[in-house]
Amino acid sequence: MKEINLKTLCIAIQAVQDRIESLASELNENGTPEYQQNVQIDLFDHEMAADVLKELYIEKQKGVINFPSYDKLIQR
Protein backbone atom coordinates (compact mmCIF):
# COMPACT_ATOMS: atom_id res chain seq x y z
CA MET A 1 0.00 0.00 0.00
CA LYS A 2 1.21 3.48 -0.83
CA GLU A 3 2.01 5.76 2.11
CA ILE A 4 0.13 9.05 2.41
CA ASN A 5 2.26 12.21 2.31
CA LEU A 6 1.77 15.26 4.52
CA LYS A 7 0.28 17.47 1.78
CA THR A 8 -2.37 14.89 0.93
CA LEU A 9 -3.05 14.40 4.63
CA CYS A 10 -3.53 18.17 5.05
CA ILE A 11 -6.09 18.22 2.24
CA ALA A 12 -7.96 15.25 3.72
CA ILE A 13 -8.01 16.80 7.20
CA GLN A 14 -9.35 20.10 5.89
CA ALA A 15 -12.01 18.35 3.79
CA VAL A 16 -13.20 16.27 6.74
CA GLN A 17 -13.20 19.36 8.98
CA ASP A 18 -15.31 21.26 6.42
CA ARG A 19 -17.79 18.39 6.33
CA ILE A 20 -17.95 18.25 10.14
CA GLU A 21 -18.79 21.95 10.24
CA SER A 22 -21.43 21.51 7.55
CA LEU A 23 -23.02 18.57 9.34
CA ALA A 24 -22.98 20.40 12.67
CA SER A 25 -24.88 23.30 11.11
CA GLU A 26 -27.38 20.85 9.59
CA LEU A 27 -28.20 19.64 13.09
CA ASN A 28 -29.54 23.13 13.83
CA GLU A 29 -31.91 23.00 10.87
CA ASN A 30 -35.38 21.53 10.90
CA GLY A 31 -35.81 18.07 9.53
CA THR A 32 -37.55 14.84 10.26
CA PRO A 33 -36.29 12.89 13.27
CA GLU A 34 -34.99 10.22 10.88
CA TYR A 35 -33.06 12.84 8.87
CA GLN A 36 -31.59 14.35 12.04
CA GLN A 37 -30.54 10.91 13.25
CA ASN A 38 -28.79 10.25 9.93
CA VAL A 39 -26.98 13.58 10.20
CA GLN A 40 -25.87 12.71 13.74
CA ILE A 41 -24.53 9.35 12.59
CA ASP A 42 -22.71 10.94 9.66
CA LEU A 43 -21.27 13.60 11.97
CA PHE A 44 -20.06 10.96 14.41
CA ASP A 45 -18.40 8.99 11.60
CA HIS A 46 -16.61 12.12 10.35
CA GLU A 47 -15.47 13.00 13.87
CA MET A 48 -14.00 9.51 14.26
CA ALA A 49 -12.23 9.87 10.91
CA ALA A 50 -10.92 13.28 12.01
CA ASP A 51 -9.45 11.70 15.15
CA VAL A 52 -7.58 9.10 13.09
CA LEU A 53 -6.31 11.73 10.66
CA LYS A 54 -5.22 13.94 13.55
CA GLU A 55 -3.14 11.17 15.12
CA LEU A 56 -1.53 10.37 11.79
CA TYR A 57 -0.82 14.03 11.03
CA ILE A 58 0.76 14.69 14.43
CA GLU A 59 2.97 11.63 14.01
CA LYS A 60 4.07 12.56 10.47
CA GLN A 61 4.46 16.29 11.20
CA LYS A 62 7.02 15.81 13.98
CA GLY A 63 10.26 17.50 13.02
CA VAL A 64 8.81 19.00 9.84
CA ILE A 65 8.89 22.79 10.03
CA ASN A 66 7.14 23.72 6.79
CA PHE A 67 3.75 22.30 7.84
CA PRO A 68 1.53 23.90 10.50
CA SER A 69 0.51 22.32 13.76
CA TYR A 70 -2.77 20.37 13.63
CA ASP A 71 -4.62 23.11 15.52
CA LYS A 72 -3.48 25.77 13.05
CA LEU A 73 -4.36 23.50 10.15
CA ILE A 74 -8.04 23.30 11.16
CA GLN A 75 -8.43 26.94 12.27
CA ARG A 76 -10.90 29.12 10.43
PDB file of N, CA and C in Angstrom:
ATOM      1  N   MET A   1       0.838  -1.168   0.000  1.00  0.00           N
ATOM      2  CA  MET A   1       0.000   0.000   0.000  1.00  0.00           C
ATOM      3  C   MET A   1       0.889   1.240   0.000  1.00  0.00           C
ATOM      4  N   LYS A   2       0.478   2.229  -0.738  1.00  0.00           N
ATOM      5  CA  LYS A   2       1.209   3.479  -0.825  1.00  0.00           C
ATOM      6  C   LYS A   2       1.018   4.290   0.461  1.00  0.00           C
ATOM      7  N   GLU A   3       2.082   4.946   0.898  1.00  0.00           N
ATOM      8  CA  GLU A   3       2.007   5.757   2.108  1.00  0.00           C
ATOM      9  C   GLU A   3       1.504   7.157   1.760  1.00  0.00           C
ATOM     10  N   ILE A   4       0.686   7.718   2.632  1.00  0.00           N
ATOM     11  CA  ILE A   4       0.129   9.052   2.406  1.00  0.00           C
ATOM     12  C   ILE A   4       1.162  10.106   2.806  1.00  0.00           C
ATOM     13  N   ASN A   5       1.307  11.143   1.974  1.00  0.00           N
ATOM     14  CA  ASN A   5       2.257  12.206   2.306  1.00  0.00           C
ATOM     15  C   ASN A   5       1.552  13.318   3.086  1.00  0.00           C
ATOM     16  N   LEU A   6       2.330  14.208   3.656  1.00  0.00           N
ATOM     17  CA  LEU A   6       1.765  15.258   4.517  1.00  0.00           C
ATOM     18  C   LEU A   6       0.823  16.191   3.771  1.00  0.00           C
ATOM     19  N   LYS A   7       1.139  16.548   2.541  1.00  0.00           N
ATOM     20  CA  LYS A   7       0.278  17.469   1.785  1.00  0.00           C
ATOM     21  C   LYS A   7      -1.092  16.843   1.552  1.00  0.00           C
ATOM     22  N   THR A   8      -1.110  15.586   1.153  1.00  0.00           N
ATOM     23  CA  THR A   8      -2.375  14.886   0.930  1.00  0.00           C
ATOM     24  C   THR A   8      -3.141  14.757   2.241  1.00  0.00           C
ATOM     25  N   LEU A   9      -2.432  14.503   3.312  1.00  0.00           N
ATOM     26  CA  LEU A   9      -3.051  14.401   4.633  1.00  0.00           C
ATOM     27  C   LEU A   9      -3.671  15.740   5.037  1.00  0.00           C
ATOM     28  N   CYS A  10      -2.986  16.831   4.760  1.00  0.00           N
ATOM     29  CA  CYS A  10      -3.532  18.171   5.050  1.00  0.00           C
ATOM     30  C   CYS A  10      -4.852  18.393   4.317  1.00  0.00           C
ATOM     31  N   ILE A  11      -4.877  18.044   3.044  1.00  0.00           N
ATOM     32  CA  ILE A  11      -6.086  18.219   2.241  1.00  0.00           C
ATOM     33  C   ILE A  11      -7.229  17.368   2.793  1.00  0.00           C
ATOM     34  N   ALA A  12      -6.933  16.137   3.163  1.00  0.00           N
ATOM     35  CA  ALA A  12      -7.958  15.249   3.724  1.00  0.00           C
ATOM     36  C   ALA A  12      -8.489  15.791   5.045  1.00  0.00           C
ATOM     37  N   ILE A  13      -7.606  16.260   5.900  1.00  0.00           N
ATOM     38  CA  ILE A  13      -8.013  16.804   7.201  1.00  0.00           C
ATOM     39  C   ILE A  13      -8.916  18.008   7.009  1.00  0.00           C
ATOM     40  N   GLN A  14      -8.536  18.907   6.126  1.00  0.00           N
ATOM     41  CA  GLN A  14      -9.347  20.100   5.895  1.00  0.00           C
ATOM     42  C   GLN A  14     -10.702  19.754   5.284  1.00  0.00           C
ATOM     43  N   ALA A  15     -10.742  18.766   4.391  1.00  0.00           N
ATOM     44  CA  ALA A  15     -12.012  18.355   3.790  1.00  0.00           C
ATOM     45  C   ALA A  15     -12.938  17.728   4.838  1.00  0.00           C
ATOM     46  N   VAL A  16     -12.395  16.889   5.686  1.00  0.00           N
ATOM     47  CA  VAL A  16     -13.199  16.267   6.741  1.00  0.00           C
ATOM     48  C   VAL A  16     -13.675  17.337   7.728  1.00  0.00           C
ATOM     49  N   GLN A  17     -12.814  18.276   8.071  1.00  0.00           N
ATOM     50  CA  GLN A  17     -13.199  19.359   8.984  1.00  0.00           C
ATOM     51  C   GLN A  17     -14.324  20.203   8.388  1.00  0.00           C
ATOM     52  N   ASP A  18     -14.239  20.510   7.090  1.00  0.00           N
ATOM     53  CA  ASP A  18     -15.309  21.262   6.422  1.00  0.00           C
ATOM     54  C   ASP A  18     -16.629  20.502   6.494  1.00  0.00           C
ATOM     55  N   ARG A  19     -16.572  19.204   6.284  1.00  0.00           N
ATOM     56  CA  ARG A  19     -17.792  18.388   6.332  1.00  0.00           C
ATOM     57  C   ARG A  19     -18.352  18.327   7.749  1.00  0.00           C
ATOM     58  N   ILE A  20     -17.492  18.243   8.743  1.00  0.00           N
ATOM     59  CA  ILE A  20     -17.947  18.253  10.142  1.00  0.00           C
ATOM     60  C   ILE A  20     -18.697  19.547  10.435  1.00  0.00           C
ATOM     61  N   GLU A  21     -18.140  20.659  10.011  1.00  0.00           N
ATOM     62  CA  GLU A  21     -18.786  21.954  10.245  1.00  0.00           C
ATOM     63  C   GLU A  21     -20.130  22.039   9.524  1.00  0.00           C
ATOM     64  N   SER A  22     -20.181  21.512   8.311  1.00  0.00           N
ATOM     65  CA  SER A  22     -21.430  21.509   7.550  1.00  0.00           C
ATOM     66  C   SER A  22     -22.485  20.641   8.230  1.00  0.00           C
ATOM     67  N   LEU A  23     -22.084  19.459   8.655  1.00  0.00           N
ATOM     68  CA  LEU A  23     -23.019  18.567   9.338  1.00  0.00           C
ATOM     69  C   LEU A  23     -23.490  19.156  10.660  1.00  0.00           C
ATOM     70  N   ALA A  24     -22.597  19.791  11.392  1.00  0.00           N
ATOM     71  CA  ALA A  24     -22.983  20.405  12.670  1.00  0.00           C
ATOM     72  C   ALA A  24     -24.018  21.500  12.449  1.00  0.00           C
ATOM     73  N   SER A  25     -23.881  22.261  11.378  1.00  0.00           N
ATOM     74  CA  SER A  25     -24.878  23.303  11.107  1.00  0.00           C
ATOM     75  C   SER A  25     -26.203  22.693  10.653  1.00  0.00           C
ATOM     76  N   GLU A  26     -26.147  21.542   9.986  1.00  0.00           N
ATOM     77  CA  GLU A  26     -27.378  20.850   9.590  1.00  0.00           C
ATOM     78  C   GLU A  26     -28.179  20.378  10.797  1.00  0.00           C
ATOM     79  N   LEU A  27     -27.490  20.080  11.884  1.00  0.00           N
ATOM     80  CA  LEU A  27     -28.204  19.642  13.090  1.00  0.00           C
ATOM     81  C   LEU A  27     -29.088  20.748  13.649  1.00  0.00           C
ATOM     82  N   ASN A  28     -28.757  21.996  13.341  1.00  0.00           N
ATOM     83  CA  ASN A  28     -29.538  23.134  13.830  1.00  0.00           C
ATOM     84  C   ASN A  28     -30.728  23.448  12.932  1.00  0.00           C
ATOM     85  N   GLU A  29     -30.808  22.772  11.792  1.00  0.00           N
ATOM     86  CA  GLU A  29     -31.912  22.999  10.866  1.00  0.00           C
ATOM     87  C   GLU A  29     -33.051  22.033  11.171  1.00  0.00           C
ATOM     88  N   ASN A  30     -34.226  22.412  10.725  1.00  0.00           N
ATOM     89  CA  ASN A  30     -35.380  21.533  10.902  1.00  0.00           C
ATOM     90  C   ASN A  30     -35.279  20.361   9.937  1.00  0.00           C
ATOM     91  N   GLY A  31     -35.794  19.267  10.353  1.00  0.00           N
ATOM     92  CA  GLY A  31     -35.813  18.066   9.528  1.00  0.00           C
ATOM     93  C   GLY A  31     -36.541  16.981  10.282  1.00  0.00           C
ATOM     94  N   THR A  32     -36.864  15.941   9.603  1.00  0.00           N
ATOM     95  CA  THR A  32     -37.545  14.838  10.264  1.00  0.00           C
ATOM     96  C   THR A  32     -36.608  14.211  11.288  1.00  0.00           C
ATOM     97  N   PRO A  33     -37.153  13.569  12.292  1.00  0.00           N
ATOM     98  CA  PRO A  33     -36.292  12.894  13.268  1.00  0.00           C
ATOM     99  C   PRO A  33     -35.349  11.890  12.606  1.00  0.00           C
ATOM    100  N   GLU A  34     -35.826  11.194  11.588  1.00  0.00           N
ATOM    101  CA  GLU A  34     -34.987  10.224  10.881  1.00  0.00           C
ATOM    102  C   GLU A  34     -33.820  10.929  10.180  1.00  0.00           C
ATOM    103  N   TYR A  35     -34.113  12.063   9.548  1.00  0.00           N
ATOM    104  CA  TYR A  35     -33.058  12.837   8.874  1.00  0.00           C
ATOM    105  C   TYR A  35     -32.026  13.320   9.892  1.00  0.00           C
ATOM    106  N   GLN A  36     -32.498  13.862  11.004  1.00  0.00           N
ATOM    107  CA  GLN A  36     -31.587  14.354  12.041  1.00  0.00           C
ATOM    108  C   GLN A  36     -30.723  13.231  12.608  1.00  0.00           C
ATOM    109  N   GLN A  37     -31.308  12.054  12.760  1.00  0.00           N
ATOM    110  CA  GLN A  37     -30.542  10.908  13.252  1.00  0.00           C
ATOM    111  C   GLN A  37     -29.452  10.529  12.252  1.00  0.00           C
ATOM    112  N   ASN A  38     -29.783  10.561  10.962  1.00  0.00           N
ATOM    113  CA  ASN A  38     -28.792  10.252   9.934  1.00  0.00           C
ATOM    114  C   ASN A  38     -27.655  11.274   9.925  1.00  0.00           C
ATOM    115  N   VAL A  39     -28.003  12.525  10.133  1.00  0.00           N
ATOM    116  CA  VAL A  39     -26.981  13.577  10.202  1.00  0.00           C
ATOM    117  C   VAL A  39     -26.077  13.339  11.406  1.00  0.00           C
ATOM    118  N   GLN A  40     -26.666  12.985  12.543  1.00  0.00           N
ATOM    119  CA  GLN A  40     -25.870  12.715  13.738  1.00  0.00           C
ATOM    120  C   GLN A  40     -24.913  11.546  13.527  1.00  0.00           C
ATOM    121  N   ILE A  41     -25.385  10.509  12.870  1.00  0.00           N
ATOM    122  CA  ILE A  41     -24.526   9.352  12.589  1.00  0.00           C
ATOM    123  C   ILE A  41     -23.396   9.742  11.649  1.00  0.00           C
ATOM    124  N   ASP A  42     -23.718  10.493  10.615  1.00  0.00           N
ATOM    125  CA  ASP A  42     -22.705  10.942   9.665  1.00  0.00           C
ATOM    126  C   ASP A  42     -21.684  11.849  10.355  1.00  0.00           C
ATOM    127  N   LEU A  43     -22.160  12.721  11.221  1.00  0.00           N
ATOM    128  CA  LEU A  43     -21.269  13.601  11.972  1.00  0.00           C
ATOM    129  C   LEU A  43     -20.333  12.789  12.864  1.00  0.00           C
ATOM    130  N   PHE A  44     -20.879  11.823  13.551  1.00  0.00           N
ATOM    131  CA  PHE A  44     -20.063  10.963  14.415  1.00  0.00           C
ATOM    132  C   PHE A  44     -18.979  10.247  13.604  1.00  0.00           C
ATOM    133  N   ASP A  45     -19.368   9.691  12.452  1.00  0.00           N
ATOM    134  CA  ASP A  45     -18.397   8.993  11.604  1.00  0.00           C
ATOM    135  C   ASP A  45     -17.277   9.927  11.145  1.00  0.00           C
ATOM    136  N   HIS A  46     -17.629  11.149  10.784  1.00  0.00           N
ATOM    137  CA  HIS A  46     -16.614  12.120  10.353  1.00  0.00           C
ATOM    138  C   HIS A  46     -15.716  12.538  11.520  1.00  0.00           C
ATOM    139  N   GLU A  47     -16.288  12.661  12.703  1.00  0.00           N
ATOM    140  CA  GLU A  47     -15.465  12.998  13.870  1.00  0.00           C
ATOM    141  C   GLU A  47     -14.484  11.873  14.195  1.00  0.00           C
ATOM    142  N   MET A  48     -14.910  10.647  14.037  1.00  0.00           N
ATOM    143  CA  MET A  48     -14.002   9.509  14.260  1.00  0.00           C
ATOM    144  C   MET A  48     -12.884   9.504  13.215  1.00  0.00           C
ATOM    145  N   ALA A  49     -13.234   9.779  11.969  1.00  0.00           N
ATOM    146  CA  ALA A  49     -12.227   9.866  10.910  1.00  0.00           C
ATOM    147  C   ALA A  49     -11.257  11.007  11.198  1.00  0.00           C
ATOM    148  N   ALA A  50     -11.775  12.130  11.684  1.00  0.00           N
ATOM    149  CA  ALA A  50     -10.917  13.278  12.013  1.00  0.00           C
ATOM    150  C   ALA A  50      -9.919  12.907  13.107  1.00  0.00           C
ATOM    151  N   ASP A  51     -10.353  12.127  14.081  1.00  0.00           N
ATOM    152  CA  ASP A  51      -9.448  11.699  15.155  1.00  0.00           C
ATOM    153  C   ASP A  51      -8.293  10.858  14.607  1.00  0.00           C
ATOM    154  N   VAL A  52      -8.619   9.946  13.691  1.00  0.00           N
ATOM    155  CA  VAL A  52      -7.580   9.097  13.093  1.00  0.00           C
ATOM    156  C   VAL A  52      -6.615   9.941  12.273  1.00  0.00           C
ATOM    157  N   LEU A  53      -7.154  10.857  11.472  1.00  0.00           N
ATOM    158  CA  LEU A  53      -6.311  11.730  10.660  1.00  0.00           C
ATOM    159  C   LEU A  53      -5.431  12.630  11.532  1.00  0.00           C
ATOM    160  N   LYS A  54      -5.992  13.095  12.635  1.00  0.00           N
ATOM    161  CA  LYS A  54      -5.222  13.940  13.550  1.00  0.00           C
ATOM    162  C   LYS A  54      -4.018  13.182  14.100  1.00  0.00           C
ATOM    163  N   GLU A  55      -4.244  11.977  14.573  1.00  0.00           N
ATOM    164  CA  GLU A  55      -3.141  11.169  15.117  1.00  0.00           C
ATOM    165  C   GLU A  55      -2.054  10.946  14.066  1.00  0.00           C
ATOM    166  N   LEU A  56      -2.483  10.609  12.871  1.00  0.00           N
ATOM    167  CA  LEU A  56      -1.530  10.366  11.788  1.00  0.00           C
ATOM    168  C   LEU A  56      -0.757  11.638  11.443  1.00  0.00           C
ATOM    169  N   TYR A  57      -1.470  12.766  11.373  1.00  0.00           N
ATOM    170  CA  TYR A  57      -0.823  14.034  11.032  1.00  0.00           C
ATOM    171  C   TYR A  57       0.214  14.412  12.085  1.00  0.00           C
ATOM    172  N   ILE A  58      -0.164  14.326  13.350  1.00  0.00           N
ATOM    173  CA  ILE A  58       0.757  14.690  14.432  1.00  0.00           C
ATOM    174  C   ILE A  58       2.007  13.825  14.379  1.00  0.00           C
ATOM    175  N   GLU A  59       1.835  12.547  14.105  1.00  0.00           N
ATOM    176  CA  GLU A  59       2.970  11.634  14.007  1.00  0.00           C
ATOM    177  C   GLU A  59       3.879  12.003  12.831  1.00  0.00           C
ATOM    178  N   LYS A  60       3.283  12.264  11.668  1.00  0.00           N
ATOM    179  CA  LYS A  60       4.069  12.555  10.467  1.00  0.00           C
ATOM    180  C   LYS A  60       4.667  13.963  10.486  1.00  0.00           C
ATOM    181  N   GLN A  61       4.037  14.889  11.201  1.00  0.00           N
ATOM    182  CA  GLN A  61       4.461  16.291  11.195  1.00  0.00           C
ATOM    183  C   GLN A  61       5.634  16.544  12.135  1.00  0.00           C
ATOM    184  N   LYS A  62       5.916  15.632  13.034  1.00  0.00           N
ATOM    185  CA  LYS A  62       7.020  15.810  13.981  1.00  0.00           C
ATOM    186  C   LYS A  62       8.319  16.074  13.234  1.00  0.00           C
ATOM    187  N   GLY A  63       8.979  17.167  13.606  1.00  0.00           N
ATOM    188  CA  GLY A  63      10.263  17.498  13.017  1.00  0.00           C
ATOM    189  C   GLY A  63      10.180  18.152  11.651  1.00  0.00           C
ATOM    190  N   VAL A  64       8.981  18.355  11.141  1.00  0.00           N
ATOM    191  CA  VAL A  64       8.810  19.001   9.838  1.00  0.00           C
ATOM    192  C   VAL A  64       8.367  20.441  10.095  1.00  0.00           C
ATOM    193  N   ILE A  65       9.176  21.394   9.688  1.00  0.00           N
ATOM    194  CA  ILE A  65       8.890  22.792  10.035  1.00  0.00           C
ATOM    195  C   ILE A  65       8.033  23.525   9.006  1.00  0.00           C
ATOM    196  N   ASN A  66       7.893  22.987   7.804  1.00  0.00           N
ATOM    197  CA  ASN A  66       7.138  23.719   6.785  1.00  0.00           C
ATOM    198  C   ASN A  66       5.660  23.313   6.710  1.00  0.00           C
ATOM    199  N   PHE A  67       5.172  22.617   7.728  1.00  0.00           N
ATOM    200  CA  PHE A  67       3.752  22.300   7.838  1.00  0.00           C
ATOM    201  C   PHE A  67       3.263  22.795   9.190  1.00  0.00           C
ATOM    202  N   PRO A  68       2.045  23.354   9.241  1.00  0.00           N
ATOM    203  CA  PRO A  68       1.526  23.903  10.496  1.00  0.00           C
ATOM    204  C   PRO A  68       1.175  22.821  11.510  1.00  0.00           C
ATOM    205  N   SER A  69       0.995  23.241  12.748  1.00  0.00           N
ATOM    206  CA  SER A  69       0.506  22.316  13.757  1.00  0.00           C
ATOM    207  C   SER A  69      -0.921  21.917  13.374  1.00  0.00           C
ATOM    208  N   TYR A  70      -1.416  20.834  13.940  1.00  0.00           N
ATOM    209  CA  TYR A  70      -2.765  20.370  13.633  1.00  0.00           C
ATOM    210  C   TYR A  70      -3.796  21.452  13.961  1.00  0.00           C
ATOM    211  N   ASP A  71      -3.642  22.085  15.116  1.00  0.00           N
ATOM    212  CA  ASP A  71      -4.620  23.111  15.521  1.00  0.00           C
ATOM    213  C   ASP A  71      -4.659  24.273  14.532  1.00  0.00           C
ATOM    214  N   LYS A  72      -3.501  24.684  14.034  1.00  0.00           N
ATOM    215  CA  LYS A  72      -3.479  25.768  13.048  1.00  0.00           C
ATOM    216  C   LYS A  72      -4.062  25.306  11.711  1.00  0.00           C
ATOM    217  N   LEU A  73      -3.860  24.045  11.406  1.00  0.00           N
ATOM    218  CA  LEU A  73      -4.362  23.495  10.153  1.00  0.00           C
ATOM    219  C   LEU A  73      -5.884  23.555  10.062  1.00  0.00           C
ATOM    220  N   ILE A  74      -6.568  23.342  11.179  1.00  0.00           N
ATOM    221  CA  ILE A  74      -8.037  23.301  11.164  1.00  0.00           C
ATOM    222  C   ILE A  74      -8.682  24.626  11.577  1.00  0.00           C
ATOM    223  N   GLN A  75      -7.879  25.630  11.882  1.00  0.00           N
ATOM    224  CA  GLN A  75      -8.432  26.935  12.267  1.00  0.00           C
ATOM    225  C   GLN A  75      -9.148  27.583  11.103  1.00  0.00           C
ATOM    226  N   ARG A  76     -10.155  28.342  11.431  1.00  0.00           N
ATOM    227  CA  ARG A  76     -10.902  29.122  10.431  1.00  0.00           C
ATOM    228  C   ARG A  76     -10.670  30.569  10.653  1.00  0.00           C
TER     229      ARG A  76
END
